[in-house]
Protein backbone atom coordinates (compact mmCIF):
# COMPACT_ATOMS: atom_id res chain seq x y z
CA ILE A 1 17.06 0.19 -0.53
CA PHE A 2 14.50 0.42 2.32
CA ALA A 3 12.73 -2.44 3.96
CA ALA A 4 9.98 -2.82 6.49
CA ASN A 5 9.64 -6.42 8.12
CA LYS A 6 6.04 -6.50 9.57
CA ASN A 7 7.54 -6.22 12.93
CA GLY A 8 8.34 -2.86 13.60
CA TRP A 9 11.50 -2.85 12.06
CA ILE A 10 12.56 -0.68 9.22
CA ASN A 11 15.78 -1.36 7.29
CA ALA A 12 18.42 0.25 4.69
CA PHE A 13 20.69 -1.59 2.29
CA ASP A 14 23.51 -0.64 -0.06
CA VAL A 15 22.84 -3.11 -3.29
CA THR A 16 25.43 -0.95 -5.11
CA ARG A 17 26.80 -4.37 -5.57
CA PRO A 18 23.76 -7.13 -5.77
CA GLU A 19 26.21 -9.72 -5.08
CA GLN A 20 26.88 -8.39 -1.65
CA PRO A 21 24.43 -6.17 -0.15
CA GLU A 22 25.24 -4.46 2.54
CA LEU A 23 22.85 -3.13 5.61
CA LEU A 24 23.27 0.06 6.41
CA GLY A 25 21.51 0.78 9.10
CA SER A 26 18.10 -0.73 11.23
CA LEU A 27 15.39 0.67 13.76
CA ASP A 28 12.57 -0.84 15.59
CA VAL A 29 9.99 2.10 15.26
CA ASN A 30 7.38 -0.11 17.12
CA ALA A 31 9.94 0.66 20.23
CA ARG A 32 10.39 4.16 19.37
CA TYR A 33 7.54 5.54 17.87
CA GLY A 34 4.94 2.69 18.39
CA LEU A 35 4.33 1.89 14.74
CA ALA A 36 4.07 -1.78 15.46
CA ASP A 37 3.49 -4.01 12.23
CA THR A 38 5.05 -2.25 9.73
CA HIS A 39 3.96 -3.89 6.56
CA ASP A 40 5.29 -1.19 3.52
CA ILE A 41 7.35 1.16 3.09
CA ASP A 42 8.72 3.85 0.30
CA THR A 43 10.41 7.14 0.20
CA LEU A 44 9.78 10.29 -0.65
CA GLY A 45 12.59 13.09 -0.53
CA ASN A 46 14.45 12.83 2.75
CA TYR A 47 11.87 10.86 4.16
CA VAL A 48 10.79 6.91 4.24
CA LEU A 49 6.93 6.57 4.89
CA VAL A 50 5.91 3.55 6.28
CA VAL A 51 2.18 1.86 6.80
CA CYS A 52 0.62 -0.39 9.39
CA PRO A 53 -2.16 -2.34 9.36
CA ARG A 54 -2.46 -2.42 13.08
CA LYS A 55 -3.61 -6.64 12.64
CA PHE A 56 -5.87 -5.40 9.89
CA GLY A 57 -8.71 -4.40 11.79
CA ALA A 58 -8.47 -5.61 15.74
CA TYR A 59 -7.73 -1.77 16.08
CA PRO A 60 -9.87 1.00 15.05
CA PHE A 61 -7.19 2.56 13.02
CA GLY A 62 -4.37 2.13 10.75
CA GLN A 63 -1.24 4.10 10.64
CA LEU A 64 1.11 6.45 8.42
CA GLY A 65 4.85 7.23 9.92
CA VAL A 66 6.65 9.78 8.28
CA ILE A 67 10.67 9.20 9.18
CA GLN A 68 13.05 11.62 8.48
CA VAL A 69 16.24 9.67 7.46
CA ARG A 70 18.37 11.61 5.25
CA ASP A 71 20.46 14.87 6.18
CA PRO A 72 18.17 17.71 4.68
CA ASP A 73 21.41 19.55 3.96
CA THR A 74 23.57 17.01 2.41
CA GLY A 75 20.87 14.32 1.15
CA SER A 76 23.13 11.38 2.85
CA LEU A 77 21.59 8.63 4.84
CA LEU A 78 21.69 9.39 8.48
CA PRO A 79 23.35 6.69 11.20
CA SER A 80 19.87 4.80 12.04
CA GLU A 81 20.24 6.12 15.55
CA GLN A 82 19.45 9.44 13.68
CA TRP A 83 16.37 8.35 12.16
CA THR A 84 13.17 10.68 13.50
CA LEU A 85 9.49 10.65 13.20
CA ALA A 86 8.32 13.71 11.31
CA GLY A 87 4.65 13.00 11.17
CA LYS A 88 2.66 10.60 11.70
CA LEU A 89 -1.65 9.72 11.35
CA GLU A 90 -3.44 7.34 13.19
CA ILE A 91 -7.33 7.12 10.89
CA PHE A 92 -10.04 4.67 10.47
CA GLU A 93 -9.14 4.84 7.21
CA LEU A 94 -6.43 3.56 7.46
CA ILE A 95 -7.41 0.16 8.93
CA GLY A 96 -5.71 -2.32 7.29
CA ALA A 97 -3.21 -0.19 5.37
CA ASN A 98 -0.62 -2.78 4.09
CA ARG A 99 0.60 -1.21 0.70
CA ILE A 100 1.91 2.20 0.32
CA GLN A 101 3.68 3.72 -3.10
CA VAL A 102 4.58 7.34 -3.24
CA ARG A 103 3.98 9.47 -6.61
CA GLY A 104 4.81 13.23 -6.36
CA HIS A 105 3.74 14.87 -3.50
CA TYR A 106 0.92 12.26 -2.93
CA ALA A 107 0.47 8.75 -1.34
CA PHE A 108 -1.48 5.87 -2.11
CA THR A 109 -2.77 2.95 0.22
CA ALA A 110 -4.45 -0.04 0.43
CA GLY A 111 -6.68 -1.48 3.39
CA SER A 112 -7.23 -5.34 3.87
CA TRP A 113 -9.79 -6.20 6.73
CA SER A 114 -9.57 -8.86 8.52
CA PRO A 115 -13.21 -10.31 10.08
CA ASP A 116 -11.56 -8.36 13.20
CA ALA A 117 -12.43 -5.10 11.55
CA ARG A 118 -16.09 -6.02 11.48
CA ILE A 119 -16.45 -5.62 15.46
CA HIS A 120 -15.95 -2.04 15.69
CA GLY A 121 -19.66 -1.17 14.49
CA ASN A 122 -17.98 -1.51 10.72
CA GLU A 123 -19.81 -4.94 9.62
CA ASN A 124 -21.66 -2.87 6.57
CA LYS A 125 -18.52 -0.23 5.81
CA PRO A 126 -16.18 -1.14 2.94
CA SER A 127 -12.25 -1.13 3.14
CA LEU A 128 -10.72 1.23 1.46
CA THR A 129 -8.03 2.07 -0.95
CA CYS A 130 -6.82 5.83 0.11
CA ILE A 131 -5.10 8.95 -1.08
CA LEU A 132 -2.94 10.77 1.00
CA ASP A 133 -1.62 14.74 0.73
CA LEU A 134 1.88 15.18 1.46
CA HIS A 135 3.16 18.09 0.40
CA ASN A 136 3.92 19.01 4.20
CA PRO A 137 5.09 15.79 4.61
CA THR A 138 5.45 16.44 8.48
CA ARG A 139 1.51 16.35 8.32
CA PRO A 140 0.11 14.14 6.10
CA THR A 141 -3.43 14.24 5.57
CA LEU A 142 -6.32 12.21 4.07
CA LEU A 143 -7.51 13.32 0.30
CA ALA A 144 -9.57 10.99 -0.60
CA THR A 145 -10.80 7.10 -0.12
CA VAL A 146 -12.07 4.83 -2.93
CA PRO A 147 -14.50 1.73 -1.54
CA PHE A 148 -13.31 -1.57 -2.43
CA ASP A 149 -15.71 -3.89 -3.65
CA ASP A 150 -14.65 -6.50 -1.53
CA ARG A 151 -15.02 -7.70 2.21
CA ARG A 152 -11.49 -8.44 2.85
CA GLY A 153 -10.09 -5.62 1.02
CA PRO A 154 -6.98 -5.01 -1.32
CA ASN A 155 -3.80 -6.69 -0.55
CA GLY A 156 -1.87 -5.37 -3.33
CA LEU A 157 -1.17 -1.68 -5.09
CA THR A 158 0.59 -0.80 -7.98
CA LEU A 159 0.78 2.71 -10.03
CA GLU A 160 0.86 2.81 -13.73
CA GLY A 161 0.55 6.13 -15.65
CA ASN A 162 -2.60 7.88 -14.03
CA MET A 163 -4.17 4.52 -12.85
CA VAL A 164 -4.20 2.90 -9.84
CA PHE A 165 -4.49 -0.46 -9.50
CA VAL A 166 -5.42 -3.05 -6.48
CA ALA A 167 -5.98 -6.52 -5.97
CA GLY A 168 -7.76 -7.84 -2.80
CA GLY A 169 -10.11 -10.93 -1.92
CA GLU A 170 -11.49 -12.23 -5.25
CA THR A 171 -11.56 -8.95 -6.59
CA VAL A 172 -9.39 -6.36 -8.75
CA GLU A 173 -9.74 -2.87 -9.80
CA ALA A 174 -8.83 -0.13 -11.74
CA ILE A 175 -8.72 3.80 -10.40
CA ASP A 176 -8.12 6.59 -12.04
CA ILE A 177 -6.41 8.97 -10.51
CA SER A 178 -5.41 12.29 -12.49
CA ILE A 179 -7.38 14.48 -10.41
CA PRO A 180 -6.25 13.07 -7.07
CA ASP A 181 -8.63 14.27 -4.73
CA LYS A 182 -11.17 13.03 -7.32
CA PRO A 183 -10.60 9.53 -8.16
CA VAL A 184 -12.79 7.37 -10.31
CA LYS A 185 -13.61 3.82 -10.14
CA LEU A 186 -12.95 2.87 -13.80
CA GLY A 187 -13.32 -1.10 -13.27
CA THR A 188 -13.83 -4.11 -11.16
CA GLN A 189 -13.08 -7.72 -12.20
CA LYS A 190 -14.09 -10.96 -10.01
CA LEU A 191 -11.86 -13.37 -10.33
CA PRO A 192 -13.41 -16.47 -12.17
CA PRO A 193 -15.19 -18.79 -9.76
CA GLU A 194 -13.83 -22.11 -11.44
CA ASN A 195 -10.31 -20.63 -10.31
CA ILE A 196 -10.91 -20.31 -6.96
CA LYS A 197 -10.16 -22.79 -4.65
CA PRO A 198 -8.94 -21.22 -1.28
CA ASP A 199 -7.44 -22.29 1.66
CA PRO A 200 -10.40 -23.21 4.25
CA ASN A 201 -8.50 -21.04 6.94
CA ARG A 202 -8.29 -18.13 4.29
CA ARG A 203 -11.60 -18.21 2.45
CA GLY A 204 -11.78 -15.27 0.36
CA ASP A 205 -8.49 -13.82 1.04
CA ASN A 206 -6.68 -14.39 -1.92
CA ALA A 207 -6.01 -11.64 -4.71
CA HIS A 208 -2.65 -10.20 -3.66
CA ASP A 209 0.39 -8.44 -5.47
CA LEU A 210 0.09 -7.12 -8.50
CA VAL A 211 2.20 -5.83 -11.51
CA TYR A 212 0.67 -4.09 -14.48
CA ARG A 213 2.74 -4.09 -17.99
CA ASP A 214 1.80 -3.37 -21.62
CA GLY A 215 -2.19 -3.91 -21.14
CA PHE A 216 -1.92 -6.78 -19.24
CA LEU A 217 -2.09 -7.00 -15.00
CA TYR A 218 -0.21 -10.26 -13.26
CA VAL A 219 -1.45 -10.90 -9.89
CA SER A 220 -0.81 -13.49 -7.66
CA CYS A 221 -3.11 -15.17 -5.68
CA GLN A 222 -2.27 -16.54 -2.39
CA SER A 223 -5.05 -18.82 -1.19
CA ASP A 224 -5.56 -20.98 -4.24
CA ASN A 225 -1.55 -20.48 -4.91
CA SER A 226 -2.44 -19.34 -8.27
CA PHE A 227 -0.68 -16.82 -10.74
CA MET A 228 -3.25 -14.96 -13.30
CA ILE A 229 -3.00 -13.00 -16.38
CA LEU A 230 -5.79 -9.91 -17.34
CA LYS A 231 -6.07 -8.48 -20.17
CA VAL A 232 -7.17 -4.76 -19.85
CA GLU A 233 -9.43 -4.21 -22.91
CA ASP A 234 -11.00 -0.94 -21.66
CA PRO A 235 -9.27 2.16 -23.86
CA ASN A 236 -9.68 4.63 -21.23
CA ILE A 237 -7.91 2.26 -18.73
CA LEU A 238 -5.32 1.86 -21.55
CA LYS A 239 -4.62 5.17 -22.34
CA LEU A 240 -4.91 6.48 -18.51
CA ALA A 241 -2.27 3.87 -17.71
CA LEU A 242 0.11 5.40 -20.49
CA GLY A 243 -0.27 8.94 -19.48
CA ARG A 244 1.29 11.52 -17.95
CA ARG A 245 2.17 10.93 -14.50
CA ILE A 246 0.78 13.35 -11.51
């Protein structure tokens, strides 16, 4: 498995024996490639993809890095000193990018905005869920975006069937991705006000990671230290979550 540690390092572990995981390699991709605050990682063939929120808005862009970690001929893991930057994307739309999941030739990212993100002339702009085209992994491109209905932006993202579910602030959203370049938001759910008791230092930055299973969304909430279960009743969302993946 691959991991990103938020401080610019990525790691590869052998978990063949779960009781004795082995570190196979590490690389400081901040020092080597300028990928500063690597928050999440996923795989695509011979590559790993990392996202960097760039302090959630302190910079006027976020980052996606594509790093080759496997030998293209054998598929074997390369020594970490041979992990090379194959592609990089630095754009406004990736501000706050702290979650990434890859499906086929597409990547889906969630971008959480801190108050600092509002200092670059973005006071009235929304945070975003992004879809990236990876048909050429060395030249990733932005394919589509979906505005998020909460000023803090999504901290959590999960894929199920042809649905993306994202969570952030006090909001959970459901997005139809069956046509990747034309995503459609199908639902927005605000967290119940009576359950919102955030830490005053993190007010509003609550809903975090989430997973979908059998018609239910399980959401962790980081500010009020709660765990929430949402039942999905929309028949279109339920059908798409069971659908054939893109």
